[in-house]
Protein backbone atom coordinates (compact mmCIF):
# COMPACT_ATOMS: atom_id res chain seq x y z
CA MET A 1 113.32 98.52 112.30
CA LYS A 2 110.94 99.54 109.69
CA LEU A 3 107.15 100.43 110.22
CA LYS A 4 104.11 99.56 108.06
CA ILE A 5 100.91 101.10 108.72
CA CYS A 6 98.20 99.21 107.03
CA GLY A 7 94.51 99.67 106.11
CA MET A 8 94.65 103.22 105.02
CA LYS A 9 91.49 104.62 103.40
CA TYR A 10 90.77 108.28 103.85
CA HIS A 11 92.66 110.87 101.80
CA ASP A 12 93.24 113.45 104.72
CA ASN A 13 94.13 110.67 107.16
CA ILE A 14 96.57 109.24 104.79
CA ASN A 15 98.42 112.64 104.41
CA GLU A 16 98.53 112.86 108.30
CA VAL A 17 99.91 109.33 108.70
CA ALA A 18 102.41 109.97 105.93
CA ALA A 19 103.64 112.95 107.80
CA LEU A 20 104.85 110.57 110.50
CA HIS A 21 107.36 109.00 107.97
CA PRO A 22 106.44 105.30 108.11
CA ASP A 23 108.47 103.14 105.75
CA TYR A 24 105.37 101.39 104.30
CA LEU A 25 101.72 102.38 103.79
CA GLY A 26 99.22 99.62 103.11
CA PHE A 27 96.04 99.87 100.95
CA ILE A 28 93.63 96.96 101.12
CA PHE A 29 92.24 95.89 97.70
CA TYR A 30 89.71 93.35 99.13
CA ASP A 31 86.14 94.24 98.91
CA LYS A 32 85.07 92.21 101.87
CA SER A 33 87.27 94.31 104.14
CA PRO A 34 85.81 97.40 106.02
CA ARG A 35 89.07 99.07 104.91
CA PHE A 36 88.61 98.41 101.16
CA PHE A 37 90.43 101.19 99.37
CA THR A 38 88.58 102.69 96.44
CA GLY A 39 90.06 106.20 96.12
CA GLU A 40 93.19 107.72 94.57
CA ILE A 41 96.42 107.42 96.67
CA PRO A 42 97.75 110.99 97.31
CA HIS A 43 101.24 111.92 96.55
CA LEU A 44 103.52 110.44 99.12
CA PRO A 45 107.09 111.10 99.94
CA LYS A 46 109.52 108.76 97.91
CA ASN A 47 110.72 107.24 101.16
CA ILE A 48 107.32 105.79 101.88
CA LYS A 49 106.61 102.54 99.93
CA LYS A 50 102.92 101.79 98.86
CA VAL A 51 101.75 98.29 99.55
CA GLY A 52 98.61 96.70 97.90
CA VAL A 53 97.04 94.11 100.16
CA PHE A 54 95.15 91.30 98.25
CA VAL A 55 93.37 88.15 99.16
CA ASP A 56 93.11 85.49 96.43
CA ALA A 57 92.70 88.13 93.67
CA PRO A 58 93.15 87.34 89.98
CA LEU A 59 96.57 88.10 88.63
CA ASN A 60 95.41 90.71 86.23
CA TYR A 61 93.49 92.57 89.02
CA ILE A 62 96.81 92.86 91.04
CA ILE A 63 98.79 94.07 88.12
CA GLU A 64 96.02 96.58 87.23
CA LYS A 65 96.21 98.10 90.83
CA VAL A 66 100.00 97.89 90.78
CA GLU A 67 100.17 99.99 87.55
CA LYS A 68 97.35 102.43 88.55
CA HIS A 69 98.58 103.35 91.97
CA LYS A 70 102.37 102.67 91.24
CA LEU A 71 102.54 100.17 94.02
CA ASP A 72 106.03 99.35 95.42
CA ALA A 73 104.86 96.07 96.95
CA VAL A 74 102.24 93.50 96.78
CA GLN A 75 100.98 91.74 100.01
CA LEU A 76 99.32 88.40 99.42
CA HIS A 77 96.90 87.56 102.31
CA GLY A 78 95.12 84.51 100.90
CA LYS A 79 96.00 81.08 99.71
CA GLU A 80 98.10 82.18 96.79
CA SER A 81 100.53 79.51 95.42
CA PRO A 82 104.24 79.71 94.95
CA GLU A 83 103.56 79.59 91.26
CA PHE A 84 101.25 82.71 91.62
CA CYS A 85 104.00 84.50 93.41
CA GLU A 86 106.44 83.53 90.53
CA GLN A 87 104.11 84.99 87.94
CA LEU A 88 104.05 88.27 89.90
CA LYS A 89 107.91 88.34 90.02
CA ARG A 90 108.28 87.44 86.33
CA PRO A 91 110.89 89.65 84.61
CA GLY A 92 109.68 92.17 82.05
CA ARG A 93 106.89 93.64 84.37
CA SER A 94 106.71 97.27 83.86
CA GLN A 95 107.36 97.92 87.58
CA LYS A 96 109.38 95.85 89.83
CA ILE A 97 107.57 95.07 92.96
CA GLU A 98 108.32 93.53 96.34
CA ILE A 99 106.27 90.42 97.21
CA ILE A 100 105.25 89.97 100.72
CA LYS A 101 103.50 86.54 101.50
CA VAL A 102 101.34 86.34 104.59
CA PHE A 103 101.00 83.17 106.84
CA SER A 104 98.65 83.18 109.74
CA ILE A 105 99.79 81.73 113.18
CA LYS A 106 98.06 81.15 116.48
CA ASP A 107 100.02 78.84 118.88
CA GLU A 108 101.87 76.65 116.43
CA PHE A 109 103.07 76.69 112.84
CA ASP A 110 104.69 74.32 110.32
CA PHE A 111 107.67 76.22 108.94
CA LYS A 112 108.15 73.66 106.14
CA THR A 113 105.03 75.57 104.48
CA LEU A 114 107.40 78.34 103.70
CA GLU A 115 109.95 76.37 101.60
CA PRO A 116 108.15 76.54 98.26
CA TYR A 117 107.72 80.44 98.54
CA GLU A 118 111.47 81.13 99.31
CA GLU A 119 112.55 81.79 95.78
CA PHE A 120 109.62 84.03 94.67
CA THR A 121 109.07 86.21 97.66
CA ASP A 122 110.96 89.12 99.20
CA TYR A 123 109.49 88.99 102.66
CA PHE A 124 107.16 86.73 104.81
CA LEU A 125 104.54 88.40 107.07
CA PHE A 126 103.25 86.66 110.13
CA ASP A 127 99.88 87.54 111.24
CA THR A 128 97.22 86.20 113.73
CA LYS A 129 95.04 83.35 112.63
CA GLY A 130 91.39 84.43 113.14
CA LYS A 131 88.16 84.67 111.34
CA ASN A 132 89.20 87.52 109.12
CA PRO A 133 92.24 87.31 106.72
CA GLY A 134 93.74 90.25 108.72
CA GLY A 135 92.76 92.87 111.20
CA ASN A 136 91.65 90.37 113.95
CA GLY A 137 92.98 92.68 116.68
CA TYR A 138 95.07 90.39 118.90
CA THR A 139 98.37 88.90 118.80
CA PHE A 140 99.64 85.35 118.05
CA ASN A 141 102.20 83.52 120.22
CA TRP A 142 105.52 85.12 119.18
CA LYS A 143 107.49 82.27 120.82
CA VAL A 144 106.49 80.16 117.81
CA LEU A 145 109.11 82.17 115.93
CA GLU A 146 111.99 80.70 118.01
CA ASN A 147 111.75 77.89 115.40
CA TYR A 148 111.85 80.16 112.26
CA PRO A 149 114.34 78.32 110.12
CA SER A 150 114.43 80.82 107.11
CA LYS A 151 117.03 83.47 106.28
CA LYS A 152 114.23 85.63 104.82
CA PRO A 153 113.38 88.87 106.60
CA PHE A 154 109.80 89.04 108.04
CA PHE A 155 107.16 91.42 109.05
CA LEU A 156 105.58 90.95 112.50
CA SER A 157 101.82 91.70 112.42
CA GLY A 158 98.60 90.99 114.27
CA GLY A 159 96.99 93.05 116.98
CA ILE A 160 100.02 95.17 117.70
CA GLY A 161 98.86 98.50 119.52
CA THR A 162 100.21 100.83 122.18
CA ASP A 163 99.37 98.27 124.79
CA GLU A 164 101.79 96.05 123.08
CA THR A 165 104.66 98.31 122.91
CA GLU A 166 106.49 96.77 125.87
CA ALA A 167 106.02 93.32 124.47
CA VAL A 168 107.43 94.44 121.01
CA LEU A 169 110.43 95.99 122.60
CA SER A 170 110.85 92.76 124.55
CA PHE A 171 110.63 90.66 121.48
CA LEU A 172 113.17 92.82 119.63
CA LYS A 173 115.83 92.08 122.18
CA LYS A 174 115.30 88.26 121.61
CA LEU A 175 117.09 86.08 119.22
CA GLU A 176 113.94 85.02 117.15
CA SER A 177 113.56 88.77 116.24
CA ARG A 178 116.91 88.86 114.37
CA LEU A 179 115.33 88.74 111.11
CA CYS A 180 112.34 90.79 111.90
CA TYR A 181 112.52 93.40 109.30
CA ALA A 182 109.32 95.51 110.14
CA ILE A 183 106.53 95.81 112.54
CA ASP A 184 103.03 96.07 110.85
CA VAL A 185 100.27 97.76 112.65
CA ASN A 186 96.52 98.39 111.77
CA SER A 187 93.36 98.05 113.78
CA LYS A 188 94.68 98.75 117.18
CA PHE A 189 95.54 102.43 116.11
CA GLU A 190 92.03 103.19 114.74
CA THR A 191 89.07 105.27 115.75
CA GLY A 192 87.14 103.55 112.94
CA PRO A 193 87.97 101.18 110.05
CA GLY A 194 90.63 102.70 108.07
CA LEU A 195 90.86 105.89 110.29
CA LYS A 196 94.04 106.00 112.10
CA ASN A 197 94.63 107.65 115.49
CA ILE A 198 97.67 110.09 114.87
CA GLU A 199 98.52 110.64 118.63
CA LYS A 200 98.58 106.97 119.28
CA LEU A 201 100.74 106.32 116.22
CA LYS A 202 103.11 109.10 117.35
CA LYS A 203 103.51 107.64 120.89
CA PHE A 204 104.30 104.17 119.43
CA ILE A 205 106.74 105.44 116.81
CA ASN A 206 108.54 107.30 119.40
CA HIS A 207 109.00 104.36 121.57
CA ILE A 208 110.15 102.21 118.71
CA ASN A 209 112.40 104.99 117.68
CA ILE A 210 114.11 105.44 121.10
CA TYR A 211 114.72 101.66 121.06
CA SER A 212 116.27 101.64 117.57
CA LYS A 213 118.89 104.29 118.63
CA HIS A 214 120.21 102.19 121.51
């Protein structure tokens, strides 16, 4: 099970979180977010993938950030079309990037929505439907994923914190988690927007690692 820690903002905190060896670190390039990233990403271990998070951003803006920060993945959190994803995946780009397309869920979801995106994305990410594009701080009904028809791996996101550890471990034992590639955490591990609580993250990672070894 992979782990993505999103909403990184502060240089020293980024280094502290990187020392925990998550698989992905997310940087939000959306100026309406309190976690909007404007700095320089410090040097990270090669095993940590850098993810740029965007919300209905122009193609050239995304490509600029990918090239500037040497991003490994792009997470699309808005209403981006399949055609837009195809443009990002176009061969000949100077850097090959993973495309993660986000879909928001509350108590139900029409999975037919995913079909046009299948060819042009590497992963789906399921987040909680709320007033913000992300970081709403509460979970959606994971039972919805019992009906997941795709063979594409997905990230599970939305309001996951230490209080949800047992629920996550329970979910990972169920059939609907078979394609769950990564757990994505953010606001529930913060002392302030973009500032992650290292001890809380250590506790959560330890529980997930213990589960993964069984």
